[in-house]
Amino acid sequence: MSSETYKKTEDVEDRLEVNLGVPEKQPRDLGIHKVVFTGHGETAEPPMEGCIKPAMEAITIVQDDHCQWDKEIEARNRSVRRRIISSSVICLLFIGMEFGGGLLSNSLVIAADATQLLTVFSTLMVSLFALELSSRRSNKARPITLSWYRFEVMAALFSVLLTWVLSSVVLYLAFDRIVTGDFVLDVDMMLATSAFGVVANLLMGMALHNNCQARGQGGCQGALNTNVRAAFMHIVFDFMFSLGVFVTALFIDCCPDWHIVDPICTFVFSIFVLLITLALLKDILNLLMNAMPRGIYLDEVLKTLLTTEGVQQVDNMKLWVVSLDKIALSAHLTIRPGADHNEVLKNASRKIHAKYNFYEMTLHIEAFQDNTAAEPQTPPPETE
């Protein structure tokens, strides 16, 4: 057996492993030269007890309280799921209502508002999918693989592309109406549809605002936190959008000769929709390319590891995004002679988790050997 893996008890949500590499058919008094720590989840902790000895005694891992998937958190997540579903149903119903109202009133600005609602609906679906993934992490009958996170990204990409296609069609029709000026509007239908749009956004915003309060009480995971916040911001923007459509309808009702305002506002609003989804598209492409996460610099992470007591050198450090809101780190640490493997592992892991919200982290630790002429690595200089 080339390695022994000590796992924590099965009722714990996340997975922590310590792999003690012992060459096969070698005397046990040669000692241990490699320790691998894998932390999966936002609050993963290194092993608190254990010994790196030839005897290789069993390591006891104490799970942090924040990682417990207890009944209270499950109940809160069920409440969040119900609110997201209710917001999604309201959003989907009003998307159909706005497209229908746009056709009946012959108003393009209402159709443009419906395309913006598609972005809101897709964000809600991604939030719901993230909640489902967080519930599945502890379910061994339905294990999660990396493909599930890629499915989340592909769904978001499909939503962005669909929004772009519909917005492009609306832009073309708006430009044609501005040039020809040959169209008639049903202002009463415009007013009714836009008024319903304002009310629908208020209802969705109230539901997700309660979700934000639930998250403040610790009811949601960090991944869901980010997704629901993004959906809430989209709803706030669409509320302003719907309010602008309502004001446009009021203006046309007061000044019927100025019906050209409808395609002009449609053109402007559609450009805003494209700009908003462009930022999301950049994030999706960065994820598909395993790019560096925004706001985190490799030199700063390297310095954090090198300033850990007992660490002599850091090699093969990698930092990448796993999904839209999850970041992973792996690194190879060489420790100084006489340093305790577990102590260095524990301190390095805690320093990283205290400074960064990494979802997944893997640290490979090897003892310094005399036949390697490695010099102590100097931390990178301070960046201003």
Protein backbone atom coordinates (compact mmCIF):
# COMPACT_ATOMS: atom_id res chain seq x y z
CA MET A 1 0.00 0.00 0.00
CA SER A 2 1.67 3.21 -1.14
CA SER A 3 -0.29 5.56 1.11
CA GLU A 4 -2.75 5.55 3.92
CA THR A 5 -5.65 7.94 3.93
CA TYR A 6 -7.29 9.01 7.14
CA LYS A 7 -10.76 10.41 6.64
CA LYS A 8 -13.03 12.08 9.09
CA THR A 9 -16.41 10.59 10.02
CA GLU A 10 -19.03 10.17 7.30
CA ASP A 11 -21.62 12.48 8.88
CA VAL A 12 -19.51 15.58 8.24
CA GLU A 13 -20.23 17.69 5.18
CA ASP A 14 -16.82 18.54 3.77
CA ARG A 15 -13.85 16.25 3.14
CA LEU A 16 -10.42 16.53 4.72
CA GLU A 17 -7.72 14.04 3.90
CA VAL A 18 -4.16 13.58 5.05
CA ASN A 19 -2.14 11.32 2.76
CA LEU A 20 1.04 10.01 4.29
CA GLY A 21 3.28 8.86 1.45
CA VAL A 22 5.33 5.82 2.42
CA PRO A 23 7.26 4.09 -0.39
CA GLU A 24 6.22 0.49 -0.83
CA LYS A 25 8.61 -2.21 0.45
CA GLN A 26 10.70 0.33 2.37
CA PRO A 27 11.65 0.12 6.05
CA ARG A 28 9.24 2.05 8.21
CA ASP A 29 12.07 3.84 10.04
CA LEU A 30 12.81 5.99 6.99
CA GLY A 31 10.24 8.49 8.16
CA ILE A 32 7.61 10.44 6.28
CA HIS A 33 8.59 12.90 3.57
CA LYS A 34 5.26 14.12 2.23
CA VAL A 35 1.97 15.26 3.73
CA VAL A 36 -0.95 16.33 1.57
CA PHE A 37 -3.79 18.34 3.04
CA THR A 38 -6.98 18.84 1.06
CA GLY A 39 -9.58 21.28 2.29
CA HIS A 40 -12.94 21.18 0.52
CA GLY A 41 -15.45 23.86 1.44
CA GLU A 42 -15.30 27.44 2.63
CA THR A 43 -14.53 26.66 6.25
CA ALA A 44 -12.22 23.70 5.83
CA GLU A 45 -9.69 23.34 8.65
CA PRO A 46 -6.44 21.37 8.82
CA PRO A 47 -6.16 18.38 11.15
CA MET A 48 -5.95 19.50 14.75
CA GLU A 49 -4.31 16.33 16.06
CA GLY A 50 -2.01 13.70 14.69
CA CYS A 51 1.58 12.76 14.41
CA ILE A 52 4.00 12.28 11.56
CA LYS A 53 5.68 9.15 12.89
CA PRO A 54 6.84 5.88 11.35
CA ALA A 55 4.18 4.21 13.48
CA MET A 56 1.61 6.28 11.57
CA GLU A 57 -0.97 6.51 14.31
CA ALA A 58 -4.53 7.34 13.32
CA ILE A 59 -5.19 11.03 12.98
CA THR A 60 -8.25 12.48 14.67
CA ILE A 61 -9.83 15.36 12.78
CA VAL A 62 -12.14 17.70 14.62
CA GLN A 63 -14.70 19.31 12.33
CA ASP A 64 -15.32 23.04 12.68
CA ASP A 65 -18.80 23.99 13.87
CA HIS A 66 -19.36 26.25 10.86
CA CYS A 67 -19.21 23.26 8.48
CA GLN A 68 -21.96 21.28 10.17
CA TRP A 69 -24.93 20.72 7.94
CA ASP A 70 -27.46 20.65 10.77
CA LYS A 71 -31.23 20.76 10.66
CA GLU A 72 -31.39 24.48 11.40
CA ILE A 73 -29.35 25.37 8.30
CA GLU A 74 -31.38 22.95 6.18
CA ALA A 75 -34.60 24.61 7.33
CA ARG A 76 -33.26 28.05 6.46
CA ASN A 77 -32.11 26.87 3.06
CA ARG A 78 -35.56 25.43 2.39
CA SER A 79 -37.00 28.87 3.13
CA VAL A 80 -34.49 30.46 0.75
CA ARG A 81 -35.34 27.91 -1.94
CA ARG A 82 -39.06 28.69 -1.62
CA ARG A 83 -38.45 32.41 -1.96
CA ILE A 84 -36.19 32.00 -4.99
CA ILE A 85 -38.77 29.75 -6.64
CA SER A 86 -41.56 32.24 -5.91
CA SER A 87 -39.47 35.08 -7.37
CA SER A 88 -38.69 32.94 -10.42
CA VAL A 89 -42.37 32.15 -11.00
CA ILE A 90 -43.29 35.84 -10.77
CA CYS A 91 -40.46 36.70 -13.14
CA LEU A 92 -41.38 34.01 -15.66
CA LEU A 93 -45.07 34.96 -15.66
CA PHE A 94 -44.28 38.59 -16.20
CA ILE A 95 -41.83 37.82 -19.01
CA GLY A 96 -44.73 36.25 -20.90
CA MET A 97 -47.00 39.12 -19.91
CA GLU A 98 -44.54 41.74 -21.15
CA PHE A 99 -43.93 40.01 -24.47
CA GLY A 100 -47.70 39.73 -24.91
CA GLY A 101 -48.23 43.34 -23.83
CA GLY A 102 -45.51 44.48 -26.19
CA LEU A 103 -47.21 42.72 -29.11
CA LEU A 104 -50.68 44.05 -28.25
CA SER A 105 -49.49 47.61 -27.66
CA ASN A 106 -46.97 47.51 -30.53
CA SER A 107 -44.39 48.91 -28.08
CA LEU A 108 -40.75 47.94 -28.43
CA VAL A 109 -39.69 49.45 -25.12
CA ILE A 110 -41.85 46.89 -23.29
CA ALA A 111 -40.26 44.09 -25.32
CA ALA A 112 -36.84 45.45 -24.33
CA ASP A 113 -37.90 45.30 -20.69
CA ALA A 114 -38.85 41.64 -21.19
CA THR A 115 -35.34 40.84 -22.45
CA GLN A 116 -33.91 42.41 -19.30
CA LEU A 117 -36.22 40.19 -17.24
CA LEU A 118 -34.72 37.18 -18.99
CA THR A 119 -31.37 38.11 -17.44
CA VAL A 120 -33.02 38.33 -14.02
CA PHE A 121 -34.67 34.93 -14.50
CA SER A 122 -31.40 33.29 -15.55
CA THR A 123 -29.64 34.71 -12.48
CA LEU A 124 -32.38 33.32 -10.25
CA MET A 125 -32.01 29.91 -11.90
CA VAL A 126 -28.24 29.95 -11.29
CA SER A 127 -28.90 30.84 -7.63
CA LEU A 128 -31.34 27.95 -7.33
CA PHE A 129 -28.85 25.60 -8.96
CA ALA A 130 -26.12 26.74 -6.54
CA LEU A 131 -28.43 26.00 -3.62
CA GLU A 132 -29.11 22.54 -5.01
CA LEU A 133 -25.37 21.90 -5.30
CA SER A 134 -24.80 22.99 -1.70
CA SER A 135 -27.51 20.55 -0.58
CA ARG A 136 -25.99 17.72 -2.60
CA ARG A 137 -22.50 18.02 -1.14
CA SER A 138 -23.39 15.82 1.83
CA ASN A 139 -25.50 13.38 -0.18
CA LYS A 140 -23.31 10.40 -1.07
CA ALA A 141 -26.04 8.87 -3.23
CA ARG A 142 -25.77 11.85 -5.60
CA PRO A 143 -22.11 12.94 -5.57
CA ILE A 144 -21.04 16.21 -7.18
CA THR A 145 -18.38 16.33 -9.87
CA LEU A 146 -16.73 19.26 -11.61
CA SER A 147 -19.13 18.85 -14.54
CA TRP A 148 -21.98 20.13 -12.37
CA TYR A 149 -20.18 23.45 -11.93
CA ARG A 150 -19.48 23.58 -15.67
CA PHE A 151 -23.19 23.01 -16.29
CA GLU A 152 -23.90 26.06 -14.14
CA VAL A 153 -21.52 28.11 -16.27
CA MET A 154 -22.93 26.83 -19.57
CA ALA A 155 -26.46 27.64 -18.42
CA ALA A 156 -25.39 31.21 -17.63
CA LEU A 157 -23.64 31.44 -21.01
CA PHE A 158 -26.77 30.25 -22.83
CA SER A 159 -28.83 32.86 -20.98
CA VAL A 160 -26.43 35.65 -21.95
CA LEU A 161 -26.41 34.60 -25.61
CA LEU A 162 -30.22 34.37 -25.67
CA THR A 163 -30.48 37.85 -24.16
CA TRP A 164 -28.07 39.17 -26.78
CA VAL A 165 -30.06 37.65 -29.65
CA LEU A 166 -33.36 39.09 -28.42
CA SER A 167 -31.79 42.48 -27.65
CA SER A 168 -30.26 42.58 -31.14
CA VAL A 169 -33.66 41.91 -32.72
CA VAL A 170 -35.25 44.65 -30.60
CA LEU A 171 -32.42 47.05 -31.52
CA TYR A 172 -32.94 46.37 -35.23
CA LEU A 173 -36.69 46.98 -34.96
CA ALA A 174 -36.12 50.16 -32.95
CA PHE A 175 -33.68 51.50 -35.52
CA ASP A 176 -36.15 50.70 -38.32
CA ARG A 177 -38.93 52.57 -36.52
CA ILE A 178 -36.71 55.58 -35.88
CA VAL A 179 -35.90 55.75 -39.59
CA THR A 180 -39.41 55.15 -40.95
CA GLY A 181 -41.57 56.51 -38.11
CA ASP A 182 -44.44 54.35 -39.36
CA PHE A 183 -46.05 52.73 -36.30
CA VAL A 184 -49.04 53.16 -33.98
CA LEU A 185 -48.99 52.53 -30.22
CA ASP A 186 -51.71 51.41 -27.81
CA VAL A 187 -50.77 53.72 -24.96
CA ASP A 188 -53.33 52.31 -22.51
CA MET A 189 -51.88 48.82 -22.90
CA MET A 190 -48.38 50.27 -22.47
CA LEU A 191 -49.37 51.94 -19.21
CA ALA A 192 -51.03 48.80 -17.84
CA THR A 193 -48.13 46.50 -18.75
CA SER A 194 -45.43 48.83 -17.44
CA ALA A 195 -47.38 49.35 -14.20
CA PHE A 196 -47.57 45.58 -13.69
CA GLY A 197 -43.84 45.47 -14.35
CA VAL A 198 -43.11 47.87 -11.52
CA VAL A 199 -45.29 45.83 -9.13
CA ALA A 200 -43.68 42.54 -10.21
CA ASN A 201 -40.18 43.87 -9.57
CA LEU A 202 -41.25 45.12 -6.14
CA LEU A 203 -42.57 41.66 -5.24
CA MET A 204 -39.41 39.92 -6.43
CA GLY A 205 -37.22 42.46 -4.65
CA MET A 206 -39.09 41.99 -1.37
CA ALA A 207 -38.68 38.21 -1.55
CA LEU A 208 -34.94 38.37 -2.24
CA HIS A 209 -34.44 41.12 0.33
CA ASN A 210 -35.77 38.70 2.94
CA ASN A 211 -33.23 36.21 1.58
CA CYS A 212 -30.48 38.75 2.24
CA GLN A 213 -31.68 39.02 5.84
CA ALA A 214 -31.67 35.22 6.13
CA ARG A 215 -28.08 35.15 4.88
CA GLY A 216 -27.14 37.69 7.49
CA GLN A 217 -28.35 35.19 10.11
CA GLY A 218 -26.13 32.52 8.64
CA GLY A 219 -28.82 30.71 6.72
CA CYS A 220 -27.07 30.54 3.35
CA GLN A 221 -23.76 29.44 2.02
CA GLY A 222 -21.27 31.86 0.49
CA ALA A 223 -21.90 30.64 -3.06
CA LEU A 224 -25.60 31.29 -2.74
CA ASN A 225 -24.85 34.61 -1.09
CA THR A 226 -23.09 35.87 -4.23
CA ASN A 227 -25.68 34.54 -6.67
CA VAL A 228 -28.70 35.89 -4.81
CA ARG A 229 -27.01 39.26 -4.39
CA ALA A 230 -26.42 39.36 -8.15
CA ALA A 231 -30.07 38.48 -8.80
CA PHE A 232 -31.20 41.18 -6.38
CA MET A 233 -29.06 43.78 -8.15
CA HIS A 234 -30.55 42.73 -11.51
CA ILE A 235 -34.04 43.16 -10.05
CA VAL A 236 -33.15 46.63 -8.75
CA PHE A 237 -31.92 47.58 -12.22
CA ASP A 238 -35.02 46.11 -13.88
CA PHE A 239 -37.21 48.04 -11.44
CA MET A 240 -35.59 51.25 -12.65
CA PHE A 241 -35.99 49.95 -16.21
CA SER A 242 -39.73 49.29 -15.70
CA LEU A 243 -40.14 52.66 -14.04
CA GLY A 244 -38.54 54.28 -17.08
CA VAL A 245 -40.93 52.37 -19.37
CA PHE A 246 -43.88 53.59 -17.30
CA VAL A 247 -42.66 57.20 -17.50
CA THR A 248 -42.19 56.79 -21.26
CA ALA A 249 -45.77 55.54 -21.60
CA LEU A 250 -47.05 58.47 -19.53
CA PHE A 251 -45.11 60.92 -21.70
CA ILE A 252 -46.52 59.41 -24.92
CA ASP A 253 -50.01 59.47 -23.40
CA CYS A 254 -49.64 63.19 -22.67
CA CYS A 255 -47.92 63.98 -26.00
CA PRO A 256 -49.22 61.53 -28.67
CA ASP A 257 -47.20 63.22 -31.40
CA TRP A 258 -44.00 62.18 -29.60
CA HIS A 259 -44.54 58.44 -30.11
CA ILE A 260 -41.00 58.33 -31.57
CA VAL A 261 -39.83 58.30 -27.93
CA ASP A 262 -40.75 54.58 -27.76
CA PRO A 263 -38.09 53.32 -30.23
CA ILE A 264 -35.55 55.86 -28.96
CA CYS A 265 -35.92 54.63 -25.36
CA THR A 266 -35.88 51.05 -26.64
CA PHE A 267 -32.55 51.69 -28.34
CA VAL A 268 -31.03 53.20 -25.19
CA PHE A 269 -32.39 50.54 -22.82
CA SER A 270 -31.23 47.68 -25.06
CA ILE A 271 -27.70 49.09 -25.10
CA PHE A 272 -27.74 49.10 -21.29
CA VAL A 273 -28.87 45.45 -21.26
CA LEU A 274 -25.99 44.47 -23.55
CA LEU A 275 -23.48 46.31 -21.36
CA ILE A 276 -24.75 44.61 -18.22
CA THR A 277 -24.54 41.13 -19.71
CA LEU A 278 -21.10 41.89 -21.15
CA ALA A 279 -19.61 41.93 -17.63
CA LEU A 280 -21.19 38.54 -16.92
CA LEU A 281 -19.87 37.19 -20.21
CA LYS A 282 -16.32 38.20 -19.24
CA ASP A 283 -16.62 36.27 -15.97
CA ILE A 284 -17.93 33.20 -17.81
CA LEU A 285 -15.08 33.24 -20.34
CA ASN A 286 -12.49 33.66 -17.57
CA LEU A 287 -13.95 30.62 -15.82
CA LEU A 288 -13.96 28.46 -18.94
CA MET A 289 -10.29 29.40 -19.49
CA ASN A 290 -9.38 28.64 -15.82
CA ALA A 291 -8.15 32.21 -15.50
CA MET A 292 -6.89 33.95 -12.39
CA PRO A 293 -9.72 35.21 -10.18
CA ARG A 294 -10.25 38.94 -10.11
CA GLY A 295 -9.05 40.83 -7.04
CA ILE A 296 -6.57 38.14 -5.90
CA TYR A 297 -2.89 38.39 -6.77
CA LEU A 298 -0.50 35.44 -6.90
CA ASP A 299 2.33 37.38 -5.23
CA GLU A 300 0.16 38.18 -2.21
CA VAL A 301 -0.86 34.54 -1.75
CA LEU A 302 2.79 33.49 -2.16
CA LYS A 303 3.87 35.97 0.50
CA THR A 304 1.21 34.67 2.89
CA LEU A 305 2.58 31.14 2.57
CA LEU A 306 6.25 32.15 2.75
CA THR A 307 5.72 34.16 5.93
CA THR A 308 4.38 31.05 7.67
CA GLU A 309 6.84 29.83 10.28
CA GLY A 310 8.72 26.76 9.07
CA VAL A 311 8.09 27.25 5.34
CA GLN A 312 11.31 27.48 3.31
CA GLN A 313 10.06 27.39 -0.26
CA VAL A 314 6.80 27.41 -2.24
CA ASP A 315 6.63 25.71 -5.64
CA ASN A 316 4.00 24.86 -8.24
CA MET A 317 1.40 27.22 -6.80
CA LYS A 318 -1.81 27.38 -8.82
CA LEU A 319 -4.84 29.60 -8.38
CA TRP A 320 -7.97 29.30 -10.51
CA VAL A 321 -11.75 29.70 -10.50
CA VAL A 322 -13.92 26.59 -10.18
CA SER A 323 -17.29 28.25 -10.76
CA LEU A 324 -18.74 31.74 -10.88
CA ASP A 325 -18.07 32.26 -7.17
CA LYS A 326 -15.66 29.50 -6.09
CA ILE A 327 -11.85 29.77 -6.08
CA ALA A 328 -9.33 26.94 -5.69
CA LEU A 329 -5.67 26.94 -4.61
CA SER A 330 -2.94 24.30 -4.71
CA ALA A 331 0.69 24.70 -3.65
CA HIS A 332 3.80 22.65 -2.84
CA LEU A 333 5.50 23.70 0.42
CA THR A 334 9.04 22.73 1.40
CA ILE A 335 9.62 23.10 5.14
CA ARG A 336 12.81 23.78 7.03
CA PRO A 337 14.73 20.98 8.80
CA GLY A 338 13.29 20.27 12.22
CA ALA A 339 9.94 21.91 11.51
CA ASP A 340 6.83 19.97 12.45
CA HIS A 341 4.83 18.93 9.38
CA ASN A 342 1.43 19.17 11.03
CA GLU A 343 2.19 22.48 12.72
CA VAL A 344 3.32 24.08 9.46
CA LEU A 345 0.30 22.63 7.69
CA LYS A 346 -2.08 23.95 10.31
CA ASN A 347 -0.57 27.44 10.42
CA ALA A 348 -0.35 27.82 6.63
CA SER A 349 -3.93 26.66 6.14
CA ARG A 350 -5.30 28.98 8.80
CA LYS A 351 -3.40 31.98 7.44
CA ILE A 352 -4.80 31.36 3.96
CA HIS A 353 -8.37 30.86 5.17
CA ALA A 354 -8.16 33.92 7.41
CA LYS A 355 -7.22 36.16 4.47
CA TYR A 356 -8.98 34.54 1.49
CA ASN A 357 -12.33 32.88 0.98
CA PHE A 358 -11.07 29.91 -1.02
CA TYR A 359 -13.63 27.21 -1.62
CA GLU A 360 -11.03 24.48 -2.15
CA MET A 361 -7.37 24.28 -1.12
CA THR A 362 -4.69 21.60 -1.49
CA LEU A 363 -1.28 21.92 0.21
CA HIS A 364 1.52 19.41 -0.47
CA ILE A 365 4.19 19.48 2.25
CA GLU A 366 7.64 17.90 1.96
CA ALA A 367 10.54 17.94 4.36
CA PHE A 368 13.75 19.68 3.33
CA GLN A 369 16.39 17.21 2.16
CA ASP A 370 20.15 17.76 2.18
CA ASN A 371 20.62 16.56 -1.40
CA THR A 372 18.54 19.51 -2.65
CA ALA A 373 20.45 22.77 -2.75
CA ALA A 374 17.36 24.87 -2.28
CA GLU A 375 17.90 28.28 -0.75
CA PRO A 376 15.28 29.91 1.46
CA GLN A 377 12.79 31.69 -0.76
CA THR A 378 12.35 35.42 -0.21
CA PRO A 379 8.79 36.79 -0.06
CA PRO A 380 7.91 39.14 -2.93
CA PRO A 381 8.17 42.87 -2.20
CA GLU A 382 5.21 44.89 -1.03
CA THR A 383 2.93 46.07 -3.83
CA GLU A 384 1.33 49.46 -3.59
